[in-house]
Each structure stands twice: as structure tokens, then as C-alpha cells.
Amino acid sequence: MLGHVHSMSSREFNEATGEAKRAVQAGTVHIADRGCPSHVLMSYEHYRELTSDRLHFADILCRTSGIGKLDVEFPRPGDPARPAAFE
């Protein structure tokens, strides 16, 4: 669900929360604080789509028979970046 993006300032959001909630039905609402994006309002359905328990690519590879032994570690979403180790 990538729908329409509606932008508003934090002041506008505070004064028109109902309007923001209605705008979420068409997509996401980006809220800016002093001109800088600070929050995103989305429907609960959209949130659940983004956070659902879907298989990760690494999980699919691990469950594929005959793929052989791979000496690769795939980072999970949210893992902090690490420097590469070349040997």
C-alpha cells in the first residue's frame, strides 16, 4: 500500500487530527516539525503489512534443499551495519 502521501506540519496535525486520520485512508501522512520530517501516520492495516511475519530471503535460502553450504551471514532488518571483514 504505497498510496497517496499527504504532508502537514506538526501544528496542522495538532489542530486537525481528524483530517490527518481521514487522509491516512488514501496513504500515509508525513508530519514535519520545523520543516523537517519527524513522523509518519499510517493505517493500522498498513502498519501490520510492514511488520508481519514474512519469511526473510535468508530463511528461504536455508530451507532450500541442495543449495550447498554457504558461508554467508545475512543481516536481519534492524541489524546495525558492520564493517566488512575480508580474509
C-alpha atoms as a PDB file:
ATOM      1  CA  MET A   1       0.000   0.000   0.000  1.00  0.00           C
ATOM      2  CA  LEU A   2       2.004   2.966  -1.235  1.00  0.00           C
ATOM      3  CA  GLY A   3      -0.985   5.246  -1.955  1.00  0.00           C
ATOM      4  CA  HIS A   4      -1.074   8.996  -1.689  1.00  0.00           C
ATOM      5  CA  VAL A   5       1.328  10.913   0.576  1.00  0.00           C
ATOM      6  CA  HIS A   6      -0.177  13.824   2.487  1.00  0.00           C
ATOM      7  CA  SER A   7       2.196  16.231   4.260  1.00  0.00           C
ATOM      8  CA  MET A   8       1.402  18.547   7.136  1.00  0.00           C
ATOM      9  CA  SER A   9       3.241  20.466   9.823  1.00  0.00           C
ATOM     10  CA  SER A  10       3.078  19.334  13.434  1.00  0.00           C
ATOM     11  CA  ARG A  11       0.962  22.413  14.164  1.00  0.00           C
ATOM     12  CA  GLU A  12      -1.505  21.487  11.414  1.00  0.00           C
ATOM     13  CA  PHE A  13      -1.583  17.934  12.759  1.00  0.00           C
ATOM     14  CA  ASN A  14      -2.334  19.136  16.292  1.00  0.00           C
ATOM     15  CA  GLU A  15      -5.144  21.364  15.012  1.00  0.00           C
ATOM     16  CA  ALA A  16      -6.627  18.864  12.537  1.00  0.00           C
ATOM     17  CA  THR A  17      -6.069  15.352  13.832  1.00  0.00           C
ATOM     18  CA  GLY A  18      -9.356  14.204  12.313  1.00  0.00           C
ATOM     19  CA  GLU A  19      -8.271  15.424   8.882  1.00  0.00           C
ATOM     20  CA  ALA A  20      -4.991  13.518   9.242  1.00  0.00           C
ATOM     21  CA  LYS A  21      -6.846  10.339  10.210  1.00  0.00           C
ATOM     22  CA  ARG A  22      -9.071  10.681   7.131  1.00  0.00           C
ATOM     23  CA  ALA A  23      -6.048  11.327   4.895  1.00  0.00           C
ATOM     24  CA  VAL A  24      -4.500   8.050   6.080  1.00  0.00           C
ATOM     25  CA  GLN A  25      -7.256   6.158   4.267  1.00  0.00           C
ATOM     26  CA  ALA A  26      -5.624   7.221   0.972  1.00  0.00           C
ATOM     27  CA  GLY A  27      -1.995   6.626   2.007  1.00  0.00           C
ATOM     28  CA  THR A  28       0.420   7.972   4.582  1.00  0.00           C
ATOM     29  CA  VAL A  29       0.627  11.335   6.324  1.00  0.00           C
ATOM     30  CA  HIS A  30       4.098  12.808   6.747  1.00  0.00           C
ATOM     31  CA  ILE A  31       4.342  15.231   9.661  1.00  0.00           C
ATOM     32  CA  ALA A  32       7.095  17.843   9.721  1.00  0.00           C
ATOM     33  CA  ASP A  33       8.464  19.546  12.798  1.00  0.00           C
ATOM     34  CA  ARG A  34      10.039  22.917  11.940  1.00  0.00           C
ATOM     35  CA  GLY A  35      10.218  21.914   8.296  1.00  0.00           C
ATOM     36  CA  CYS A  36      11.953  18.563   8.891  1.00  0.00           C
ATOM     37  CA  PRO A  37      10.099  15.255   8.543  1.00  0.00           C
ATOM     38  CA  SER A  38       9.590  13.825  12.022  1.00  0.00           C
ATOM     39  CA  HIS A  39       6.683  11.350  11.993  1.00  0.00           C
ATOM     40  CA  VAL A  40       4.617   9.197   9.655  1.00  0.00           C
ATOM     41  CA  LEU A  41       0.978   8.396  10.326  1.00  0.00           C
ATOM     42  CA  MET A  42      -0.416   5.285   8.656  1.00  0.00           C
ATOM     43  CA  SER A  43      -3.397   2.999   8.997  1.00  0.00           C
ATOM     44  CA  TYR A  44      -3.130   0.014  11.300  1.00  0.00           C
ATOM     45  CA  GLU A  45      -3.610  -2.254   8.273  1.00  0.00           C
ATOM     46  CA  HIS A  46      -0.596  -0.686   6.562  1.00  0.00           C
ATOM     47  CA  TYR A  47       1.434  -0.993   9.770  1.00  0.00           C
ATOM     48  CA  ARG A  48       0.562  -4.705  10.021  1.00  0.00           C
ATOM     49  CA  GLU A  49       1.631  -5.222   6.388  1.00  0.00           C
ATOM     50  CA  LEU A  50       5.011  -3.700   7.176  1.00  0.00           C
ATOM     51  CA  THR A  51       5.539  -5.654  10.400  1.00  0.00           C
ATOM     52  CA  SER A  52       4.001  -9.020   9.526  1.00  0.00           C
ATOM     53  CA  ASP A  53       5.969 -12.219   9.973  1.00  0.00           C
ATOM     54  CA  ARG A  54       7.074 -12.757   6.410  1.00  0.00           C
ATOM     55  CA  LEU A  55       9.928 -15.063   5.532  1.00  0.00           C
ATOM     56  CA  HIS A  56      13.235 -13.330   5.019  1.00  0.00           C
ATOM     57  CA  PHE A  57      15.387 -14.128   1.998  1.00  0.00           C
ATOM     58  CA  ALA A  58      17.973 -15.826   4.222  1.00  0.00           C
ATOM     59  CA  ASP A  59      15.276 -18.062   5.740  1.00  0.00           C
ATOM     60  CA  ILE A  60      14.151 -19.136   2.265  1.00  0.00           C
ATOM     61  CA  LEU A  61      17.746 -19.969   1.274  1.00  0.00           C
ATOM     62  CA  CYS A  62      18.280 -22.006   4.436  1.00  0.00           C
ATOM     63  CA  ARG A  63      15.176 -24.077   3.735  1.00  0.00           C
ATOM     64  CA  THR A  64      16.091 -24.785   0.101  1.00  0.00           C
ATOM     65  CA  SER A  65      17.438 -28.303  -0.313  1.00  0.00           C
ATOM     66  CA  GLY A  66      20.548 -28.843  -2.396  1.00  0.00           C
ATOM     67  CA  ILE A  67      21.762 -25.272  -2.162  1.00  0.00           C
ATOM     68  CA  GLY A  68      25.027 -26.364  -0.572  1.00  0.00           C
ATOM     69  CA  LYS A  69      26.842 -24.879   2.368  1.00  0.00           C
ATOM     70  CA  LEU A  70      27.097 -21.116   2.161  1.00  0.00           C
ATOM     71  CA  ASP A  71      29.485 -19.268   4.421  1.00  0.00           C
ATOM     72  CA  VAL A  72      27.419 -16.088   4.317  1.00  0.00           C
ATOM     73  CA  GLU A  73      25.603 -14.256   7.064  1.00  0.00           C
ATOM     74  CA  PHE A  74      22.617 -12.148   6.010  1.00  0.00           C
ATOM     75  CA  PRO A  75      21.758  -9.213   8.284  1.00  0.00           C
ATOM     76  CA  ARG A  76      18.199  -9.013   9.531  1.00  0.00           C
ATOM     77  CA  PRO A  77      16.251  -5.769   9.127  1.00  0.00           C
ATOM     78  CA  GLY A  78      17.156  -3.551  12.044  1.00  0.00           C
ATOM     79  CA  ASP A  79      20.636  -5.057  12.494  1.00  0.00           C
ATOM     80  CA  PRO A  80      23.246  -2.335  12.775  1.00  0.00           C
ATOM     81  CA  ALA A  81      25.706  -2.082   9.907  1.00  0.00           C
ATOM     82  CA  ARG A  82      29.031  -3.795  10.491  1.00  0.00           C
ATOM     83  CA  PRO A  83      32.337  -3.276   8.731  1.00  0.00           C
ATOM     84  CA  ALA A  84      33.211  -5.927   6.166  1.00  0.00           C
ATOM     85  CA  ALA A  85      35.845  -8.480   7.153  1.00  0.00           C
ATOM     86  CA  PHE A  86      37.948  -9.560   4.179  1.00  0.00           C
ATOM     87  CA  GLU A  87      40.142 -12.578   4.729  1.00  0.00           C
END
